[in-house]
Amino acid sequence: MASQRPGPNLSRIATSLGVSVATVSNALSGKGRVSDALIERIRAHAAELGYVPSQAGRALRTGRSGVLGLVLPDIANPLFPKIAQAIEYAASAAGYGVLIADSRGDITAQTEAINRLVERGVDGMVIVPRRATRISGASCPVAVIDTASTPGNTVAADHWQGGKEIAAHLASLGHKQILIIGNNRESNVQNDRAGGIRAGLQPGMRSETLWIERLEHETGAGCRLGLEEKARQGFTAFAALSDLQALRALTELQQDGISVPADVSVTGFDDLIWSPVVTPSLTTVRMDMDTIAEIAVSALVERINESGTREGVLVTAHTERVPMQLIIRQSSGLMKPATKNLRDGELVE
């Protein structure tokens, strides 16, 4: 089997044009003293021959890999592929490639992923951390995307403001009793979202919080959340702290014969890809991931260019919080006044 012919190198381009390899290198890199006419001629000929710069050679010359690392908590969560896509696009626009590491929901695995990326020589790293992840050990600039209450956070969605948007929306529909449904009470993001909801409650409104991990620890994974009983107690709005928890709530309520939004309302966070197509479509709050990614990558690249070395440092950005957008769909509606039937406990109009 014949071997493929290697692509053109600087020497071949130089020989074809009758110039030195150094001249070709300077023309393609924009360095040195080369006339504009010759630069144009060399670049045109390189493109004609299909020349592609060697990343390995460039790394040897500059001491940089041209690659950023991205560490995600759990790529099985449909939110994180959206983040990865936004980071890759922003990095590409800045002239960088991206290596992605998945932590699979494990703190130890995330720390190991950070170390592996450092060993591979990434110029900088974007980390979406799990709680207790050790970021300080990364020997390169790091941008953190989590929430404003996380120490060392670079930029994030304004989760508190998003929670207040949900509270204001439910208040405008007349809801008085709100059940906040979260997954992990140790999550900074979910705590900020819940805090925003509580802060946005108007006089006469009240809330309780249900943490799914705690309930599952007591009664088993995949257990029922007891939302039918909460509806009987007078809760008319179920404000989930992610669309995943909102879908779980929506499914359980419908299985119990409770109509959404005729009887109760359900809201979420994140606007995942399926949120507009479930029945009813989900009212939620959307992160501006493109803007967040652009800010994080820009701050990271700026720090890389300033330092000139792979020193470990948490980078800061001029903008730390990016507003979230309320997306109103079919799962939230006007509160329906209800009373309790003392004979059988059902809600009646």
Protein backbone atom coordinates (compact mmCIF):
# COMPACT_ATOMS: atom_id res chain seq x y z
CA MET A 1 0.00 0.00 0.00
CA ALA A 2 1.51 3.32 -1.10
CA SER A 3 2.13 5.89 1.60
CA GLN A 4 0.45 9.26 1.32
CA ARG A 5 2.63 12.13 0.22
CA PRO A 6 3.26 14.53 3.10
CA GLY A 7 1.83 18.02 2.85
CA PRO A 8 4.02 20.92 1.69
CA ASN A 9 6.48 22.34 4.23
CA LEU A 10 8.30 25.66 4.44
CA SER A 11 11.30 24.30 2.53
CA ARG A 12 9.18 23.28 -0.45
CA ILE A 13 7.48 26.68 -0.56
CA ALA A 14 10.85 28.45 -0.31
CA THR A 15 12.38 26.33 -3.12
CA SER A 16 9.38 26.93 -5.39
CA LEU A 17 9.66 30.69 -4.99
CA GLY A 18 13.45 30.95 -4.83
CA VAL A 19 13.55 32.52 -1.37
CA SER A 20 14.89 31.41 2.01
CA VAL A 21 12.97 29.30 4.51
CA ALA A 22 13.33 32.16 7.03
CA THR A 23 11.64 34.55 4.61
CA VAL A 24 8.73 32.14 4.12
CA SER A 25 8.40 31.66 7.88
CA ASN A 26 8.39 35.41 8.52
CA ALA A 27 5.86 36.04 5.76
CA LEU A 28 3.45 33.42 7.09
CA SER A 29 3.81 34.49 10.72
CA GLY A 30 3.75 38.24 10.04
CA LYS A 31 7.17 38.75 11.59
CA GLY A 32 10.47 40.07 10.24
CA ARG A 33 11.18 42.42 7.36
CA VAL A 34 9.34 41.14 4.31
CA SER A 35 7.74 43.39 1.71
CA ASP A 36 3.97 43.41 1.42
CA ALA A 37 4.17 42.22 -2.17
CA LEU A 38 6.34 39.23 -1.25
CA ILE A 39 4.14 38.39 1.75
CA GLU A 40 1.11 38.29 -0.52
CA ARG A 41 2.97 36.16 -3.06
CA ILE A 42 4.23 33.67 -0.44
CA ARG A 43 0.84 33.32 1.25
CA ALA A 44 -0.94 32.84 -2.07
CA HIS A 45 1.52 30.11 -3.09
CA ALA A 46 1.25 28.42 0.31
CA ALA A 47 -2.54 28.36 -0.01
CA GLU A 48 -2.24 27.00 -3.55
CA LEU A 49 -0.04 24.15 -2.32
CA GLY A 50 -2.39 23.45 0.61
CA TYR A 51 0.10 24.36 3.31
CA VAL A 52 -1.15 23.90 6.89
CA PRO A 53 1.00 25.30 9.74
CA SER A 54 2.46 22.67 12.07
CA GLN A 55 0.96 23.09 15.53
CA ALA A 56 3.79 21.04 17.00
CA GLY A 57 6.37 23.30 15.36
CA ARG A 58 4.55 26.40 16.48
CA ALA A 59 4.44 25.05 20.04
CA LEU A 60 8.20 24.49 19.99
CA ARG A 61 8.81 28.04 18.75
CA THR A 62 6.37 29.87 21.01
CA GLY A 63 6.20 27.60 24.05
CA ARG A 64 2.40 27.49 23.66
CA SER A 65 0.14 24.70 22.50
CA GLY A 66 -2.68 26.82 21.09
CA VAL A 67 -5.09 24.62 23.07
CA LEU A 68 -7.42 25.36 25.98
CA GLY A 69 -8.79 22.76 28.36
CA LEU A 70 -12.47 22.52 29.32
CA VAL A 71 -13.44 20.53 32.42
CA LEU A 72 -17.14 19.70 32.80
CA PRO A 73 -18.90 18.16 35.84
CA ASP A 74 -21.00 15.60 33.95
CA ILE A 75 -21.46 15.63 30.18
CA ALA A 76 -24.49 13.34 30.54
CA ASN A 77 -26.37 16.38 31.84
CA PRO A 78 -27.88 18.01 28.73
CA LEU A 79 -26.86 21.48 29.96
CA PHE A 80 -23.14 20.84 29.64
CA PRO A 81 -22.93 20.01 25.92
CA LYS A 82 -24.46 23.47 25.37
CA ILE A 83 -21.70 24.99 27.48
CA ALA A 84 -19.05 22.97 25.62
CA GLN A 85 -20.33 24.15 22.25
CA ALA A 86 -20.29 27.79 23.35
CA ILE A 87 -16.75 27.51 24.77
CA GLU A 88 -15.47 25.76 21.62
CA TYR A 89 -16.94 28.46 19.40
CA ALA A 90 -15.45 31.28 21.50
CA ALA A 91 -12.06 29.54 21.66
CA SER A 92 -12.03 28.94 17.91
CA ALA A 93 -12.76 32.63 17.29
CA ALA A 94 -9.74 33.43 19.49
CA GLY A 95 -7.52 31.01 17.55
CA TYR A 96 -7.52 28.14 20.05
CA GLY A 97 -8.54 24.51 19.97
CA VAL A 98 -10.25 22.84 22.94
CA LEU A 99 -9.64 19.58 24.80
CA ILE A 100 -12.70 18.48 26.82
CA ALA A 101 -12.54 16.41 30.01
CA ASP A 102 -15.62 14.93 31.67
CA SER A 103 -15.70 14.46 35.45
CA ARG A 104 -18.63 12.00 35.34
CA GLY A 105 -20.13 13.66 38.41
CA ASP A 106 -17.18 12.77 40.65
CA ILE A 107 -15.00 15.28 42.52
CA THR A 108 -11.90 13.07 42.42
CA ALA A 109 -12.35 12.48 38.69
CA GLN A 110 -12.59 16.24 38.13
CA THR A 111 -9.32 16.86 39.97
CA GLU A 112 -7.65 14.11 37.91
CA ALA A 113 -9.07 15.62 34.70
CA ILE A 114 -7.51 18.99 35.59
CA ASN A 115 -4.14 17.33 36.15
CA ARG A 116 -4.32 15.42 32.83
CA LEU A 117 -5.01 18.58 30.88
CA VAL A 118 -2.09 20.34 32.57
CA GLU A 119 0.16 17.40 31.62
CA ARG A 120 -0.95 17.75 28.00
CA GLY A 121 0.29 21.32 27.99
CA VAL A 122 -2.90 23.35 27.60
CA ASP A 123 -2.27 27.09 27.66
CA GLY A 124 -5.24 27.73 29.93
CA MET A 125 -8.35 26.07 31.26
CA VAL A 126 -12.08 26.72 31.68
CA ILE A 127 -13.57 24.81 34.60
CA VAL A 128 -17.22 24.31 35.49
CA PRO A 129 -16.53 23.01 39.00
CA ARG A 130 -18.17 20.57 41.32
CA ARG A 131 -18.25 21.59 44.95
CA ALA A 132 -14.90 20.93 46.70
CA THR A 133 -12.97 20.65 43.43
CA ARG A 134 -9.32 21.70 43.91
CA ILE A 135 -8.65 24.30 41.24
CA SER A 136 -5.58 25.89 42.80
CA GLY A 137 -3.42 22.96 41.71
CA ALA A 138 -3.73 23.82 38.02
CA SER A 139 -0.41 25.23 36.82
CA CYS A 140 -1.98 27.39 34.11
CA PRO A 141 -4.45 30.29 34.00
CA VAL A 142 -7.99 29.15 34.89
CA ALA A 143 -11.39 30.68 34.20
CA VAL A 144 -14.21 29.42 36.44
CA ILE A 145 -17.84 29.37 35.32
CA ASP A 146 -20.20 28.67 38.23
CA THR A 147 -22.04 31.39 40.13
CA ALA A 148 -21.22 34.73 41.75
CA SER A 149 -21.13 33.22 45.26
CA THR A 150 -18.39 30.73 44.29
CA PRO A 151 -14.92 31.92 45.42
CA GLY A 152 -12.71 32.64 42.41
CA ASN A 153 -15.60 32.66 39.95
CA THR A 154 -14.70 34.42 36.68
CA VAL A 155 -18.10 34.88 35.05
CA ALA A 156 -21.50 33.23 35.27
CA ALA A 157 -25.17 33.67 34.67
CA ASP A 158 -26.84 35.84 37.31
CA HIS A 159 -28.65 32.93 38.97
CA TRP A 160 -30.00 35.10 41.78
CA GLN A 161 -31.56 37.49 39.27
CA GLY A 162 -32.99 34.48 37.41
CA GLY A 163 -34.68 33.33 40.61
CA LYS A 164 -36.19 36.76 41.14
CA GLU A 165 -37.54 36.65 37.57
CA ILE A 166 -39.33 33.38 38.37
CA ALA A 167 -40.78 34.79 41.60
CA ALA A 168 -42.04 37.93 39.86
CA HIS A 169 -43.63 35.86 37.09
CA LEU A 170 -45.45 33.58 39.54
CA ALA A 171 -46.55 36.58 41.61
CA SER A 172 -48.03 38.19 38.48
CA LEU A 173 -50.13 35.04 37.99
CA GLY A 174 -51.51 35.26 41.54
CA HIS A 175 -49.60 32.37 43.12
CA LYS A 176 -49.12 32.64 46.88
CA GLN A 177 -47.54 29.33 47.91
CA ILE A 178 -44.42 28.24 46.02
CA LEU A 179 -42.64 24.90 46.39
CA ILE A 180 -39.00 25.27 45.35
CA ILE A 181 -37.62 21.96 44.06
CA GLY A 182 -33.85 21.51 43.98
CA ASN A 183 -31.53 18.55 43.62
CA ASN A 184 -28.47 19.23 45.79
CA ARG A 185 -28.52 21.66 48.68
CA GLU A 186 -24.70 21.86 48.53
CA SER A 187 -24.78 23.38 45.03
CA ASN A 188 -23.86 27.07 44.95
CA VAL A 189 -25.79 27.52 41.72
CA GLN A 190 -28.98 25.98 43.07
CA ASN A 191 -28.70 27.87 46.35
CA ASP A 192 -28.35 31.16 44.49
CA ARG A 193 -31.36 30.34 42.32
CA ALA A 194 -33.43 29.40 45.37
CA GLY A 195 -32.24 32.52 47.18
CA GLY A 196 -33.33 34.68 44.27
CA ILE A 197 -36.79 33.13 44.29
CA ARG A 198 -37.18 33.74 48.04
CA ALA A 199 -35.90 37.31 47.68
CA GLY A 200 -38.41 37.96 44.91
CA LEU A 201 -41.48 36.85 46.86
CA GLN A 202 -43.99 39.62 47.42
CA PRO A 203 -45.91 40.27 50.66
CA GLY A 204 -48.43 37.48 51.23
CA MET A 205 -46.36 34.88 49.38
CA ARG A 206 -44.46 32.02 51.05
CA SER A 207 -42.18 29.21 49.95
CA GLU A 208 -40.83 25.87 51.06
CA THR A 209 -37.86 24.02 49.59
CA LEU A 210 -37.70 20.33 48.69
CA TRP A 211 -34.20 18.87 48.14
CA ILE A 212 -34.41 15.72 46.04
CA GLU A 213 -31.04 14.23 47.06
CA ARG A 214 -32.00 14.38 50.74
CA LEU A 215 -35.39 12.78 50.01
CA GLU A 216 -33.78 10.03 47.91
CA HIS A 217 -31.23 9.38 50.64
CA GLU A 218 -34.12 8.72 53.03
CA THR A 219 -36.49 6.82 50.72
CA GLY A 220 -34.46 5.58 47.75
CA ALA A 221 -33.38 6.75 44.30
CA GLY A 222 -36.18 7.64 41.92
CA CYS A 223 -38.73 7.95 44.73
CA ARG A 224 -41.88 10.00 44.36
CA LEU A 225 -41.58 13.61 45.45
CA GLY A 226 -44.96 13.80 47.17
CA LEU A 227 -46.18 16.68 45.01
CA GLU A 228 -49.83 15.59 45.11
CA GLU A 229 -49.81 16.08 48.89
CA LYS A 230 -48.14 19.47 48.47
CA ALA A 231 -50.88 20.50 46.06
CA ARG A 232 -53.49 19.45 48.63
CA GLN A 233 -51.68 21.63 51.17
CA GLY A 234 -52.27 24.62 48.93
CA PHE A 235 -49.08 24.92 46.88
CA THR A 236 -50.07 26.11 43.42
CA ALA A 237 -46.62 26.69 41.87
CA PHE A 238 -43.67 24.30 41.69
CA ALA A 239 -40.47 26.22 40.94
CA ALA A 240 -37.75 23.73 40.00
CA LEU A 241 -34.12 24.86 40.06
CA SER A 242 -33.34 23.09 36.78
CA ASP A 243 -35.36 21.86 33.83
CA LEU A 244 -34.43 18.27 34.76
CA GLN A 245 -36.16 18.63 38.12
CA ALA A 246 -39.04 20.47 36.44
CA LEU A 247 -39.59 17.54 34.06
CA ARG A 248 -39.63 15.13 37.01
CA ALA A 249 -42.20 17.31 38.79
CA LEU A 250 -44.30 17.71 35.65
CA THR A 251 -44.35 13.94 35.07
CA GLU A 252 -45.36 13.13 38.65
CA LEU A 253 -48.13 15.73 38.73
CA GLN A 254 -49.59 14.49 35.46
CA GLN A 255 -49.45 10.88 36.67
CA ASP A 256 -51.47 11.96 39.71
CA GLY A 257 -54.11 13.59 37.54
CA ILE A 258 -53.12 17.15 38.42
CA SER A 259 -53.36 19.35 35.35
CA VAL A 260 -50.55 21.76 34.42
CA PRO A 261 -51.18 24.69 34.20
CA ALA A 262 -54.93 24.42 34.90
CA ASP A 263 -54.43 23.26 38.51
CA VAL A 264 -50.81 24.16 39.27
CA SER A 265 -47.87 25.82 37.52
CA VAL A 266 -44.38 24.41 36.96
CA THR A 267 -41.23 26.37 36.08
CA GLY A 268 -37.60 25.43 35.51
CA PHE A 269 -34.11 26.79 34.79
CA ASP A 270 -31.67 26.39 31.85
CA ASP A 271 -34.03 26.08 28.82
CA LEU A 272 -32.71 22.68 27.76
CA ILE A 273 -33.20 21.48 24.20
CA TRP A 274 -36.42 19.58 24.98
CA SER A 275 -38.02 22.27 27.17
CA PRO A 276 -40.00 23.85 24.28
CA VAL A 277 -41.36 20.49 23.05
CA VAL A 278 -42.57 18.74 26.22
CA THR A 279 -46.30 18.91 26.96
CA PRO A 280 -47.01 21.47 28.22
CA SER A 281 -43.97 23.40 27.02
CA LEU A 282 -41.87 24.54 29.98
CA THR A 283 -41.63 28.05 31.36
CA THR A 284 -37.98 28.47 32.29
CA VAL A 285 -35.02 30.84 32.59
CA ARG A 286 -32.31 30.82 29.94
CA MET A 287 -28.58 31.45 30.36
CA ASP A 288 -26.80 33.49 27.69
CA MET A 289 -24.08 30.88 27.22
CA ASP A 290 -22.57 32.53 24.14
CA THR A 291 -21.87 35.72 26.08
CA ILE A 292 -20.62 33.84 29.15
CA ALA A 293 -18.26 31.74 27.02
CA GLU A 294 -16.96 34.77 25.14
CA ILE A 295 -16.21 36.63 28.39
CA ALA A 296 -14.52 33.59 29.98
CA VAL A 297 -12.34 32.79 26.97
CA SER A 298 -11.42 36.45 26.39
CA ALA A 299 -10.33 36.86 30.02
CA LEU A 300 -8.37 33.62 29.82
CA VAL A 301 -6.58 34.50 26.56
CA GLU A 302 -5.79 37.99 27.86
CA ARG A 303 -4.14 36.47 30.91
CA ILE A 304 -2.21 33.95 28.80
CA ASN A 305 -0.88 36.75 26.60
CA GLU A 306 0.07 38.85 29.62
CA SER A 307 1.91 36.13 31.52
CA GLY A 308 3.71 34.43 28.65
CA THR A 309 4.00 31.38 30.90
CA ARG A 310 1.73 28.62 32.18
CA GLU A 311 1.50 30.02 35.69
CA GLY A 312 -1.48 28.97 37.77
CA VAL A 313 -3.87 31.83 38.45
CA LEU A 314 -7.63 32.36 38.60
CA VAL A 315 -8.51 34.95 36.00
CA THR A 316 -11.00 37.77 36.52
CA ALA A 317 -13.31 39.42 34.01
CA HIS A 318 -14.69 42.93 33.69
CA THR A 319 -18.22 41.46 33.65
CA GLU A 320 -18.90 38.86 36.33
CA ARG A 321 -22.67 38.36 36.00
CA VAL A 322 -24.66 37.90 32.80
CA PRO A 323 -28.44 38.44 33.09
CA MET A 324 -30.76 35.48 32.59
CA GLN A 325 -33.84 35.63 30.37
CA LEU A 326 -37.31 34.51 31.45
CA ILE A 327 -38.94 32.31 28.78
CA ILE A 328 -42.71 32.12 29.34
CA ARG A 329 -44.40 29.04 27.88
CA GLN A 330 -47.44 26.88 28.64
CA SER A 331 -46.53 25.28 31.98
CA SER A 332 -47.29 28.42 34.01
CA GLY A 333 -50.73 29.98 34.27
CA LEU A 334 -53.08 31.94 36.48
CA MET A 335 -53.63 30.49 39.92
CA LYS A 336 -56.98 28.72 40.15
CA PRO A 337 -58.67 29.32 43.52
CA ALA A 338 -59.24 25.99 45.24
CA THR A 339 -60.68 24.63 48.46
CA LYS A 340 -60.16 21.38 50.28
CA ASN A 341 -62.85 18.71 50.20
CA LEU A 342 -62.63 17.52 53.79
CA ARG A 343 -64.24 14.17 52.90
CA ASP A 344 -61.63 12.90 50.46
CA GLY A 345 -58.91 15.51 50.54
CA GLU A 346 -59.15 16.38 46.83
CA LEU A 347 -58.90 19.86 45.42
CA VAL A 348 -62.19 21.18 44.02
CA GLU A 349 -63.06 24.43 42.33
